[in-house]
Amino acid sequence: MRRSRLLGFVVYGCCGRQGDRPECEVKVRRPVMAWFRVRLTEDEQRIVQEERALHPQHRVREKMLVLWLLHCGVTREKAALVAGLARSTVQRYVEAFREGGLDGLRRWNVRGPVSDLAAYRDAIRESFEKQPVSTTAEACARIEQLTGLRRGPTQVRRFLKDLGMKWQRIRAIPVPPKKTWPSTFSSRPSFTTVN
């Protein structure tokens, strides 16, 4: 049997021409791709080593670790095992490196849902800083009054936490006070910014 490569496909046939005999038919199999070997220059090695330990984003550090392992000759399966990833994720990282180099690997295009309240962040923050609320229900009513958007208590709590506000609780203060708690105030409880 003769084996030849034709435009990235493996072609099998007995003599290379089609005829009346069924054994002369050409059978085409799936494309064969060359395995991309990760080879880094001296500068890229230095950059990968630094960013593997010091980059502020966890995912970029993870990508640099995988890239370094592949550069050192570790298989993709073992690199995935060491990094705690799936082999398909390692393959996506290699594809990003092949297409865009280190900048392509640093890209992180994850977009989560954006709250409708995000457009009113400054107005809500200003309102709560001027006049703090004492309950989550009161915060829900105030947000609805300011924005016209009705949200439940859980969503409002999460939104206020994302704004940097935190619940301040009232505690009984012994007379004379032995210890002052930072979260204890003489006024009513409220959502306020963290000091």
N, C-alpha and C. Protein backbone atom coordinates (compact mmCIF):
# COMPACT_ATOMS: atom_id res chain seq x y z
N MET A 1 0.83 -1.18 0.00
CA MET A 1 0.00 0.00 0.00
C MET A 1 0.88 1.25 0.00
N ARG A 2 0.51 2.23 -0.77
CA ARG A 2 1.26 3.47 -0.87
C ARG A 2 0.61 4.52 0.02
N ARG A 3 1.43 5.25 0.75
CA ARG A 3 0.93 6.31 1.63
C ARG A 3 1.52 7.62 1.15
N SER A 4 0.68 8.61 0.92
CA SER A 4 1.20 9.91 0.50
C SER A 4 0.43 11.01 1.21
N ARG A 5 1.03 12.19 1.28
CA ARG A 5 0.37 13.35 1.89
C ARG A 5 -0.08 14.27 0.77
N LEU A 6 -1.33 14.69 0.87
CA LEU A 6 -1.88 15.56 -0.15
C LEU A 6 -2.67 16.66 0.54
N LEU A 7 -2.14 17.87 0.55
CA LEU A 7 -2.81 19.04 1.15
C LEU A 7 -3.26 18.79 2.59
N GLY A 8 -2.42 18.16 3.37
CA GLY A 8 -2.73 17.95 4.78
C GLY A 8 -3.61 16.74 5.04
N PHE A 9 -3.99 15.99 4.02
CA PHE A 9 -4.81 14.80 4.21
C PHE A 9 -3.95 13.57 3.95
N VAL A 10 -4.21 12.50 4.65
CA VAL A 10 -3.52 11.25 4.40
C VAL A 10 -4.34 10.49 3.38
N VAL A 11 -3.71 10.10 2.28
CA VAL A 11 -4.40 9.41 1.19
C VAL A 11 -3.85 8.00 1.08
N TYR A 12 -4.74 7.01 1.07
CA TYR A 12 -4.33 5.62 0.92
C TYR A 12 -4.84 5.08 -0.40
N GLY A 13 -4.03 4.35 -1.10
CA GLY A 13 -4.43 3.68 -2.34
C GLY A 13 -3.36 2.69 -2.74
N CYS A 14 -3.68 1.74 -3.59
CA CYS A 14 -2.70 0.72 -3.92
C CYS A 14 -1.72 1.21 -4.98
N CYS A 15 -2.17 1.98 -5.95
CA CYS A 15 -1.26 2.40 -7.00
C CYS A 15 -1.35 3.90 -7.28
N GLY A 16 -2.22 4.61 -6.59
CA GLY A 16 -2.30 6.04 -6.75
C GLY A 16 -3.28 6.48 -7.81
N ARG A 17 -3.91 5.55 -8.57
CA ARG A 17 -4.91 5.95 -9.56
C ARG A 17 -6.19 5.18 -9.32
N GLN A 18 -7.27 5.79 -9.64
CA GLN A 18 -8.55 5.14 -9.44
C GLN A 18 -8.88 4.29 -10.66
N GLY A 19 -9.45 3.15 -10.41
CA GLY A 19 -9.80 2.26 -11.51
C GLY A 19 -11.08 1.53 -11.19
N ASP A 20 -11.30 0.46 -11.92
CA ASP A 20 -12.50 -0.33 -11.69
C ASP A 20 -12.37 -1.21 -10.46
N ARG A 21 -11.15 -1.47 -10.05
CA ARG A 21 -10.95 -2.36 -8.91
C ARG A 21 -11.22 -1.61 -7.61
N PRO A 22 -11.96 -2.22 -6.66
CA PRO A 22 -12.27 -1.53 -5.40
C PRO A 22 -11.03 -1.27 -4.55
N GLU A 23 -9.98 -2.08 -4.70
CA GLU A 23 -8.78 -1.84 -3.90
C GLU A 23 -7.98 -0.64 -4.38
N CYS A 24 -8.31 -0.11 -5.55
CA CYS A 24 -7.61 1.07 -6.07
C CYS A 24 -8.30 2.37 -5.68
N GLU A 25 -9.43 2.28 -4.99
CA GLU A 25 -10.12 3.51 -4.61
C GLU A 25 -9.30 4.27 -3.58
N VAL A 26 -9.36 5.54 -3.65
CA VAL A 26 -8.63 6.40 -2.73
C VAL A 26 -9.49 6.65 -1.50
N LYS A 27 -8.92 6.39 -0.33
CA LYS A 27 -9.63 6.63 0.92
C LYS A 27 -9.01 7.84 1.60
N VAL A 28 -9.81 8.81 1.92
CA VAL A 28 -9.32 10.04 2.54
C VAL A 28 -9.67 10.00 4.01
N ARG A 29 -8.67 10.21 4.86
CA ARG A 29 -8.89 10.25 6.30
C ARG A 29 -8.84 11.68 6.79
N ARG A 30 -9.00 11.86 8.07
CA ARG A 30 -9.03 13.21 8.67
C ARG A 30 -7.72 13.94 8.45
N PRO A 31 -7.74 15.28 8.54
CA PRO A 31 -6.52 16.06 8.32
C PRO A 31 -5.45 15.74 9.37
N VAL A 32 -4.22 15.78 8.97
CA VAL A 32 -3.09 15.58 9.88
C VAL A 32 -2.47 16.94 10.12
N MET A 33 -2.38 17.32 11.40
CA MET A 33 -1.80 18.61 11.74
C MET A 33 -0.44 18.41 12.37
N ALA A 34 0.47 19.29 12.08
CA ALA A 34 1.78 19.24 12.72
C ALA A 34 1.63 19.71 14.15
N TRP A 35 2.32 19.05 15.05
CA TRP A 35 2.25 19.38 16.47
C TRP A 35 3.06 20.64 16.72
N PHE A 36 2.45 21.66 17.34
CA PHE A 36 3.12 22.93 17.58
C PHE A 36 4.00 22.81 18.82
N ARG A 37 5.30 22.96 18.64
CA ARG A 37 6.22 22.90 19.77
C ARG A 37 6.42 24.31 20.31
N VAL A 38 6.35 24.45 21.61
CA VAL A 38 6.53 25.75 22.23
C VAL A 38 8.02 25.97 22.46
N ARG A 39 8.55 26.96 21.79
CA ARG A 39 9.96 27.32 21.96
C ARG A 39 10.00 28.82 22.26
N LEU A 40 10.62 29.16 23.36
CA LEU A 40 10.68 30.55 23.79
C LEU A 40 12.08 31.11 23.59
N THR A 41 12.16 32.37 23.21
CA THR A 41 13.46 33.05 23.11
C THR A 41 13.92 33.39 24.52
N GLU A 42 15.13 33.89 24.62
CA GLU A 42 15.68 34.27 25.94
C GLU A 42 14.80 35.33 26.61
N ASP A 43 14.41 36.36 25.85
CA ASP A 43 13.57 37.42 26.40
C ASP A 43 12.21 36.87 26.83
N GLU A 44 11.61 36.02 25.99
CA GLU A 44 10.32 35.43 26.33
C GLU A 44 10.43 34.55 27.57
N GLN A 45 11.54 33.83 27.70
CA GLN A 45 11.73 33.00 28.89
C GLN A 45 11.76 33.85 30.15
N ARG A 46 12.48 34.96 30.08
CA ARG A 46 12.57 35.87 31.23
C ARG A 46 11.19 36.43 31.58
N ILE A 47 10.44 36.85 30.57
CA ILE A 47 9.11 37.42 30.79
C ILE A 47 8.17 36.38 31.37
N VAL A 48 8.20 35.17 30.81
CA VAL A 48 7.32 34.10 31.30
C VAL A 48 7.65 33.76 32.75
N GLN A 49 8.93 33.70 33.08
CA GLN A 49 9.33 33.40 34.46
C GLN A 49 8.83 34.48 35.43
N GLU A 50 8.94 35.74 35.05
CA GLU A 50 8.48 36.83 35.92
C GLU A 50 6.96 36.80 36.08
N GLU A 51 6.25 36.67 34.96
CA GLU A 51 4.79 36.73 35.01
C GLU A 51 4.19 35.47 35.61
N ARG A 52 4.93 34.38 35.56
CA ARG A 52 4.44 33.14 36.16
C ARG A 52 4.30 33.30 37.67
N ALA A 53 5.11 34.16 38.25
CA ALA A 53 5.06 34.35 39.70
C ALA A 53 4.41 35.66 40.11
N LEU A 54 4.50 36.70 39.29
CA LEU A 54 4.15 38.04 39.77
C LEU A 54 2.99 38.72 39.05
N HIS A 55 2.41 38.12 38.03
CA HIS A 55 1.33 38.80 37.32
C HIS A 55 0.12 38.93 38.24
N PRO A 56 -0.59 40.08 38.22
CA PRO A 56 -1.72 40.27 39.14
C PRO A 56 -2.91 39.36 38.89
N GLN A 57 -3.10 38.87 37.66
CA GLN A 57 -4.25 38.01 37.38
C GLN A 57 -3.86 36.54 37.51
N HIS A 58 -4.68 35.81 38.25
CA HIS A 58 -4.41 34.39 38.49
C HIS A 58 -4.39 33.59 37.20
N ARG A 59 -5.32 33.85 36.29
CA ARG A 59 -5.41 33.09 35.04
C ARG A 59 -4.17 33.29 34.17
N VAL A 60 -3.62 34.50 34.16
CA VAL A 60 -2.43 34.75 33.36
C VAL A 60 -1.25 34.01 33.97
N ARG A 61 -1.14 33.98 35.30
CA ARG A 61 -0.07 33.21 35.96
C ARG A 61 -0.20 31.74 35.59
N GLU A 62 -1.44 31.24 35.58
CA GLU A 62 -1.69 29.85 35.22
C GLU A 62 -1.27 29.56 33.77
N LYS A 63 -1.60 30.48 32.87
CA LYS A 63 -1.23 30.31 31.47
C LYS A 63 0.28 30.31 31.30
N MET A 64 0.97 31.18 32.03
CA MET A 64 2.43 31.25 31.93
C MET A 64 3.07 29.98 32.48
N LEU A 65 2.49 29.40 33.53
CA LEU A 65 2.99 28.13 34.07
C LEU A 65 2.87 27.04 33.01
N VAL A 66 1.72 26.96 32.36
CA VAL A 66 1.51 25.95 31.32
C VAL A 66 2.49 26.16 30.18
N LEU A 67 2.69 27.40 29.77
CA LEU A 67 3.62 27.71 28.68
C LEU A 67 5.04 27.31 29.07
N TRP A 68 5.42 27.58 30.31
CA TRP A 68 6.77 27.23 30.76
C TRP A 68 6.95 25.71 30.77
N LEU A 69 5.96 24.99 31.25
CA LEU A 69 6.05 23.52 31.27
C LEU A 69 6.19 22.97 29.86
N LEU A 70 5.42 23.51 28.93
CA LEU A 70 5.50 23.04 27.55
C LEU A 70 6.85 23.39 26.93
N HIS A 71 7.39 24.54 27.28
CA HIS A 71 8.72 24.93 26.79
C HIS A 71 9.78 23.97 27.31
N CYS A 72 9.60 23.49 28.54
CA CYS A 72 10.58 22.58 29.15
C CYS A 72 10.44 21.15 28.64
N GLY A 73 9.48 20.90 27.76
CA GLY A 73 9.37 19.58 27.16
C GLY A 73 8.35 18.66 27.80
N VAL A 74 7.55 19.16 28.71
CA VAL A 74 6.51 18.36 29.35
C VAL A 74 5.37 18.19 28.34
N THR A 75 4.73 17.04 28.33
CA THR A 75 3.62 16.82 27.40
C THR A 75 2.43 17.66 27.83
N ARG A 76 1.50 17.82 26.91
CA ARG A 76 0.33 18.64 27.21
C ARG A 76 -0.53 18.00 28.29
N GLU A 77 -0.61 16.69 28.28
CA GLU A 77 -1.39 16.00 29.32
C GLU A 77 -0.78 16.21 30.70
N LYS A 78 0.56 16.09 30.78
CA LYS A 78 1.22 16.27 32.09
C LYS A 78 1.15 17.74 32.53
N ALA A 79 1.27 18.66 31.58
CA ALA A 79 1.15 20.09 31.91
C ALA A 79 -0.25 20.38 32.45
N ALA A 80 -1.26 19.77 31.85
CA ALA A 80 -2.63 19.94 32.33
C ALA A 80 -2.78 19.37 33.73
N LEU A 81 -2.17 18.22 33.98
CA LEU A 81 -2.24 17.59 35.30
C LEU A 81 -1.56 18.45 36.36
N VAL A 82 -0.38 18.98 36.04
CA VAL A 82 0.37 19.82 36.99
C VAL A 82 -0.39 21.10 37.30
N ALA A 83 -0.97 21.73 36.27
CA ALA A 83 -1.67 22.99 36.45
C ALA A 83 -3.09 22.80 36.97
N GLY A 84 -3.58 21.56 36.99
CA GLY A 84 -4.94 21.31 37.46
C GLY A 84 -5.99 21.72 36.44
N LEU A 85 -5.68 21.55 35.16
CA LEU A 85 -6.57 21.95 34.08
C LEU A 85 -6.92 20.75 33.22
N ALA A 86 -7.84 20.96 32.31
CA ALA A 86 -8.15 19.94 31.32
C ALA A 86 -7.19 20.09 30.14
N ARG A 87 -6.96 18.99 29.42
CA ARG A 87 -6.06 19.04 28.28
C ARG A 87 -6.57 19.99 27.20
N SER A 88 -7.89 20.08 27.06
CA SER A 88 -8.46 20.99 26.07
C SER A 88 -8.16 22.45 26.43
N THR A 89 -8.10 22.76 27.72
CA THR A 89 -7.75 24.13 28.15
C THR A 89 -6.31 24.43 27.79
N VAL A 90 -5.42 23.46 28.02
CA VAL A 90 -4.02 23.64 27.65
C VAL A 90 -3.91 23.84 26.14
N GLN A 91 -4.71 23.11 25.38
CA GLN A 91 -4.70 23.26 23.93
C GLN A 91 -5.15 24.67 23.52
N ARG A 92 -6.16 25.21 24.22
CA ARG A 92 -6.61 26.58 23.93
C ARG A 92 -5.50 27.59 24.25
N TYR A 93 -4.77 27.37 25.34
CA TYR A 93 -3.66 28.26 25.69
C TYR A 93 -2.58 28.21 24.61
N VAL A 94 -2.26 27.03 24.11
CA VAL A 94 -1.25 26.90 23.06
C VAL A 94 -1.73 27.61 21.79
N GLU A 95 -3.00 27.45 21.47
CA GLU A 95 -3.56 28.12 20.28
C GLU A 95 -3.48 29.64 20.43
N ALA A 96 -3.77 30.15 21.63
CA ALA A 96 -3.69 31.60 21.87
C ALA A 96 -2.25 32.08 21.74
N PHE A 97 -1.29 31.27 22.22
CA PHE A 97 0.12 31.64 22.10
C PHE A 97 0.55 31.60 20.64
N ARG A 98 0.09 30.60 19.90
CA ARG A 98 0.46 30.48 18.49
C ARG A 98 -0.06 31.67 17.69
N GLU A 99 -1.27 32.10 17.97
CA GLU A 99 -1.88 33.19 17.21
C GLU A 99 -1.41 34.57 17.63
N GLY A 100 -1.20 34.78 18.94
CA GLY A 100 -0.90 36.14 19.39
C GLY A 100 0.35 36.28 20.23
N GLY A 101 1.13 35.23 20.40
CA GLY A 101 2.33 35.31 21.23
C GLY A 101 1.96 35.51 22.69
N LEU A 102 2.85 36.14 23.43
CA LEU A 102 2.60 36.36 24.86
C LEU A 102 1.43 37.31 25.08
N ASP A 103 1.26 38.29 24.20
CA ASP A 103 0.12 39.21 24.33
C ASP A 103 -1.20 38.47 24.13
N GLY A 104 -1.23 37.53 23.20
CA GLY A 104 -2.43 36.72 22.99
C GLY A 104 -2.74 35.85 24.18
N LEU A 105 -1.70 35.41 24.88
CA LEU A 105 -1.88 34.58 26.06
C LEU A 105 -2.36 35.41 27.25
N ARG A 106 -1.95 36.67 27.30
CA ARG A 106 -2.36 37.54 28.41
C ARG A 106 -3.81 38.00 28.30
N ARG A 107 -4.35 37.97 27.09
CA ARG A 107 -5.72 38.44 26.89
C ARG A 107 -6.70 37.63 27.71
N TRP A 108 -7.63 38.30 28.32
CA TRP A 108 -8.66 37.64 29.13
C TRP A 108 -9.97 38.30 28.79
N ASN A 109 -10.71 37.74 27.84
CA ASN A 109 -11.92 38.36 27.31
C ASN A 109 -13.18 37.79 27.95
N VAL A 110 -13.21 37.72 29.25
CA VAL A 110 -14.40 37.20 29.92
C VAL A 110 -15.29 38.38 30.28
N ARG A 111 -16.51 38.30 29.84
CA ARG A 111 -17.48 39.36 30.16
C ARG A 111 -18.66 38.72 30.86
N GLY A 112 -18.89 39.14 32.07
CA GLY A 112 -20.05 38.64 32.79
C GLY A 112 -21.24 39.55 32.56
N PRO A 113 -22.37 39.18 33.12
CA PRO A 113 -23.54 40.04 32.98
C PRO A 113 -23.34 41.37 33.73
N VAL A 114 -23.91 42.43 33.19
CA VAL A 114 -23.80 43.75 33.80
C VAL A 114 -25.17 44.10 34.38
N SER A 115 -25.18 44.53 35.62
CA SER A 115 -26.42 44.88 36.29
C SER A 115 -27.00 46.17 35.71
N ASP A 116 -28.32 46.25 35.69
CA ASP A 116 -28.98 47.48 35.27
C ASP A 116 -28.71 48.61 36.25
N LEU A 117 -28.40 48.24 37.50
CA LEU A 117 -28.13 49.26 38.52
C LEU A 117 -26.75 49.90 38.33
N ALA A 118 -25.89 49.30 37.52
CA ALA A 118 -24.55 49.83 37.33
C ALA A 118 -24.57 51.26 36.79
N ALA A 119 -25.56 51.60 36.00
CA ALA A 119 -25.66 52.95 35.45
C ALA A 119 -25.95 53.98 36.54
N TYR A 120 -26.49 53.54 37.66
CA TYR A 120 -26.89 54.44 38.75
C TYR A 120 -25.96 54.35 39.96
N ARG A 121 -24.80 53.75 39.81
CA ARG A 121 -23.90 53.52 40.95
C ARG A 121 -23.61 54.79 41.73
N ASP A 122 -23.21 55.84 41.03
CA ASP A 122 -22.82 57.08 41.72
C ASP A 122 -23.99 57.72 42.46
N ALA A 123 -25.17 57.73 41.84
CA ALA A 123 -26.34 58.33 42.49
C ALA A 123 -26.74 57.54 43.73
N ILE A 124 -26.69 56.21 43.65
CA ILE A 124 -27.05 55.37 44.80
C ILE A 124 -26.05 55.56 45.92
N ARG A 125 -24.76 55.55 45.57
CA ARG A 125 -23.72 55.73 46.59
C ARG A 125 -23.88 57.08 47.29
N GLU A 126 -24.09 58.13 46.51
CA GLU A 126 -24.24 59.48 47.08
C GLU A 126 -25.45 59.55 48.01
N SER A 127 -26.55 58.93 47.60
CA SER A 127 -27.76 58.94 48.42
C SER A 127 -27.55 58.21 49.73
N PHE A 128 -26.88 57.05 49.68
CA PHE A 128 -26.66 56.27 50.91
C PHE A 128 -25.60 56.90 51.81
N GLU A 129 -24.67 57.65 51.24
CA GLU A 129 -23.69 58.33 52.08
C GLU A 129 -24.31 59.53 52.78
N LYS A 130 -25.25 60.22 52.10
CA LYS A 130 -25.93 61.36 52.73
C LYS A 130 -26.85 60.90 53.85
N GLN A 131 -27.63 59.88 53.55
CA GLN A 131 -28.62 59.41 54.51
C GLN A 131 -28.60 57.87 54.49
N PRO A 132 -27.84 57.25 55.42
CA PRO A 132 -27.77 55.79 55.44
C PRO A 132 -29.12 55.16 55.77
N VAL A 133 -29.32 53.94 55.29
CA VAL A 133 -30.55 53.20 55.57
C VAL A 133 -30.28 52.22 56.70
N SER A 134 -31.36 51.82 57.38
CA SER A 134 -31.17 50.92 58.53
C SER A 134 -31.50 49.47 58.19
N THR A 135 -32.24 49.22 57.14
CA THR A 135 -32.59 47.84 56.78
C THR A 135 -32.41 47.63 55.28
N THR A 136 -32.34 46.38 54.93
CA THR A 136 -32.24 46.05 53.51
C THR A 136 -33.53 46.41 52.78
N ALA A 137 -34.67 46.24 53.44
CA ALA A 137 -35.94 46.60 52.83
C ALA A 137 -35.99 48.10 52.52
N GLU A 138 -35.46 48.89 53.43
CA GLU A 138 -35.40 50.33 53.20
C GLU A 138 -34.47 50.66 52.04
N ALA A 139 -33.37 49.92 51.93
CA ALA A 139 -32.44 50.12 50.81
C ALA A 139 -33.11 49.75 49.50
N CYS A 140 -33.91 48.67 49.49
CA CYS A 140 -34.65 48.27 48.28
C CYS A 140 -35.61 49.38 47.85
N ALA A 141 -36.34 49.92 48.83
CA ALA A 141 -37.31 50.98 48.52
C ALA A 141 -36.61 52.23 48.00
N ARG A 142 -35.48 52.58 48.60
CA ARG A 142 -34.75 53.78 48.17
C ARG A 142 -34.20 53.60 46.77
N ILE A 143 -33.67 52.42 46.46
CA ILE A 143 -33.14 52.16 45.12
C ILE A 143 -34.26 52.22 44.09
N GLU A 144 -35.42 51.66 44.44
CA GLU A 144 -36.55 51.71 43.52
C GLU A 144 -36.99 53.16 43.30
N GLN A 145 -36.98 53.95 44.36
CA GLN A 145 -37.38 55.35 44.26
C GLN A 145 -36.39 56.14 43.39
N LEU A 146 -35.08 55.87 43.56
CA LEU A 146 -34.05 56.59 42.81
C LEU A 146 -33.99 56.19 41.33
N THR A 147 -34.12 54.89 41.07
CA THR A 147 -33.85 54.39 39.73
C THR A 147 -35.09 53.91 38.98
N GLY A 148 -36.13 53.55 39.70
CA GLY A 148 -37.30 52.97 39.07
C GLY A 148 -37.14 51.47 38.84
N LEU A 149 -36.03 50.90 39.29
CA LEU A 149 -35.77 49.47 39.15
C LEU A 149 -36.05 48.77 40.47
N ARG A 150 -36.88 47.75 40.43
CA ARG A 150 -37.21 47.01 41.64
C ARG A 150 -36.31 45.79 41.75
N ARG A 151 -35.61 45.66 42.86
CA ARG A 151 -34.73 44.52 43.11
C ARG A 151 -35.04 43.93 44.47
N GLY A 152 -34.80 42.64 44.59
CA GLY A 152 -35.04 41.94 45.85
C GLY A 152 -33.92 42.19 46.85
N PRO A 153 -34.13 41.77 48.10
CA PRO A 153 -33.14 42.03 49.15
C PRO A 153 -31.77 41.41 48.87
N THR A 154 -31.76 40.20 48.32
CA THR A 154 -30.48 39.54 48.06
C THR A 154 -29.67 40.31 47.02
N GLN A 155 -30.33 40.72 45.94
CA GLN A 155 -29.63 41.47 44.90
C GLN A 155 -29.16 42.82 45.43
N VAL A 156 -29.97 43.46 46.27
CA VAL A 156 -29.58 44.76 46.82
C VAL A 156 -28.39 44.61 47.77
N ARG A 157 -28.41 43.57 48.61
CA ARG A 157 -27.27 43.34 49.51
C ARG A 157 -25.99 43.14 48.70
N ARG A 158 -26.07 42.32 47.67
CA ARG A 158 -24.90 42.05 46.83
C ARG A 158 -24.43 43.32 46.13
N PHE A 159 -25.36 44.12 45.62
CA PHE A 159 -25.00 45.36 44.93
C PHE A 159 -24.33 46.34 45.90
N LEU A 160 -24.87 46.47 47.10
CA LEU A 160 -24.28 47.39 48.08
C LEU A 160 -22.90 46.92 48.52
N LYS A 161 -22.73 45.62 48.61
CA LYS A 161 -21.41 45.09 48.96
C LYS A 161 -20.41 45.39 47.84
N ASP A 162 -20.85 45.27 46.58
CA ASP A 162 -19.98 45.59 45.45
C ASP A 162 -19.63 47.08 45.41
N LEU A 163 -20.52 47.92 45.95
CA LEU A 163 -20.23 49.36 46.04
C LEU A 163 -19.20 49.66 47.12
N GLY A 164 -18.90 48.68 47.96
CA GLY A 164 -17.94 48.88 49.04
C GLY A 164 -18.61 49.23 50.35
N MET A 165 -19.91 49.07 50.43
CA MET A 165 -20.64 49.35 51.66
C MET A 165 -20.74 48.08 52.49
N LYS A 166 -20.86 48.29 53.79
CA LYS A 166 -20.96 47.13 54.66
C LYS A 166 -21.96 47.41 55.76
N TRP A 167 -22.56 46.35 56.25
CA TRP A 167 -23.58 46.46 57.28
C TRP A 167 -22.93 46.79 58.61
N GLN A 168 -23.40 47.85 59.24
CA GLN A 168 -22.92 48.24 60.56
C GLN A 168 -23.98 47.85 61.58
N ARG A 169 -23.64 47.05 62.55
CA ARG A 169 -24.65 46.59 63.50
C ARG A 169 -24.55 47.31 64.83
N ILE A 170 -25.65 47.30 65.54
CA ILE A 170 -25.70 47.92 66.86
C ILE A 170 -25.49 46.83 67.89
N ARG A 171 -24.69 47.12 68.86
CA ARG A 171 -24.47 46.19 69.97
C ARG A 171 -24.73 46.93 71.27
N ALA A 172 -25.04 46.16 72.25
CA ALA A 172 -25.21 46.77 73.57
C ALA A 172 -23.85 47.21 74.07
N ILE A 173 -23.79 48.46 74.51
CA ILE A 173 -22.53 48.99 75.02
C ILE A 173 -22.64 49.04 76.54
N PRO A 174 -21.77 48.31 77.23
CA PRO A 174 -21.83 48.34 78.69
C PRO A 174 -21.43 49.72 79.22
N VAL A 175 -22.00 50.07 80.34
CA VAL A 175 -21.67 51.37 80.92
C VAL A 175 -20.79 51.12 82.13
N PRO A 176 -19.66 51.63 82.25
CA PRO A 176 -18.85 52.29 81.25
C PRO A 176 -18.33 51.27 80.23
N PRO A 177 -18.13 51.69 79.01
CA PRO A 177 -17.68 50.73 77.99
C PRO A 177 -16.27 50.24 78.28
N LYS A 178 -16.10 48.92 78.28
CA LYS A 178 -14.79 48.33 78.52
C LYS A 178 -13.97 48.32 77.23
N LYS A 179 -14.67 48.13 76.13
CA LYS A 179 -13.98 48.02 74.86
C LYS A 179 -14.87 48.61 73.78
N THR A 180 -14.30 49.34 72.87
CA THR A 180 -15.08 49.92 71.78
C THR A 180 -14.89 49.06 70.54
N TRP A 181 -16.01 48.58 70.02
CA TRP A 181 -15.96 47.79 68.79
C TRP A 181 -15.97 48.72 67.59
N PRO A 182 -15.18 48.44 66.58
CA PRO A 182 -15.17 49.33 65.41
C PRO A 182 -16.50 49.34 64.66
N SER A 183 -17.28 48.26 64.77
CA SER A 183 -18.55 48.23 64.05
C SER A 183 -19.71 48.68 64.93
N THR A 184 -19.43 49.21 66.12
CA THR A 184 -20.48 49.65 67.02
C THR A 184 -20.60 51.18 66.95
N PHE A 185 -21.82 51.64 66.74
CA PHE A 185 -22.08 53.07 66.71
C PHE A 185 -23.25 53.35 67.64
N SER A 186 -23.34 54.57 68.11
CA SER A 186 -24.44 54.93 68.99
C SER A 186 -25.73 55.17 68.22
N SER A 187 -25.63 55.37 66.90
CA SER A 187 -26.83 55.59 66.10
C SER A 187 -27.38 54.26 65.60
N ARG A 188 -28.39 54.35 64.75
CA ARG A 188 -29.03 53.14 64.23
C ARG A 188 -28.11 52.45 63.21
N PRO A 189 -28.37 51.15 62.91
CA PRO A 189 -27.53 50.45 61.93
C PRO A 189 -27.76 50.99 60.53
N SER A 190 -26.75 50.86 59.70
CA SER A 190 -26.88 51.38 58.35
C SER A 190 -25.87 50.74 57.43
N PHE A 191 -26.10 50.89 56.14
CA PHE A 191 -25.11 50.52 55.14
C PHE A 191 -24.24 51.73 54.94
N THR A 192 -22.96 51.59 55.12
CA THR A 192 -22.03 52.70 54.92
C THR A 192 -20.81 52.19 54.20
N THR A 193 -19.96 53.12 53.77
CA THR A 193 -18.73 52.69 53.11
C THR A 193 -17.75 52.21 54.16
N VAL A 194 -16.87 51.30 53.74
CA VAL A 194 -15.88 50.73 54.63
C VAL A 194 -14.79 51.76 54.86
N ASN A 195 -14.40 51.94 56.12
CA ASN A 195 -13.36 52.94 56.45
C ASN A 195 -12.01 52.35 56.32
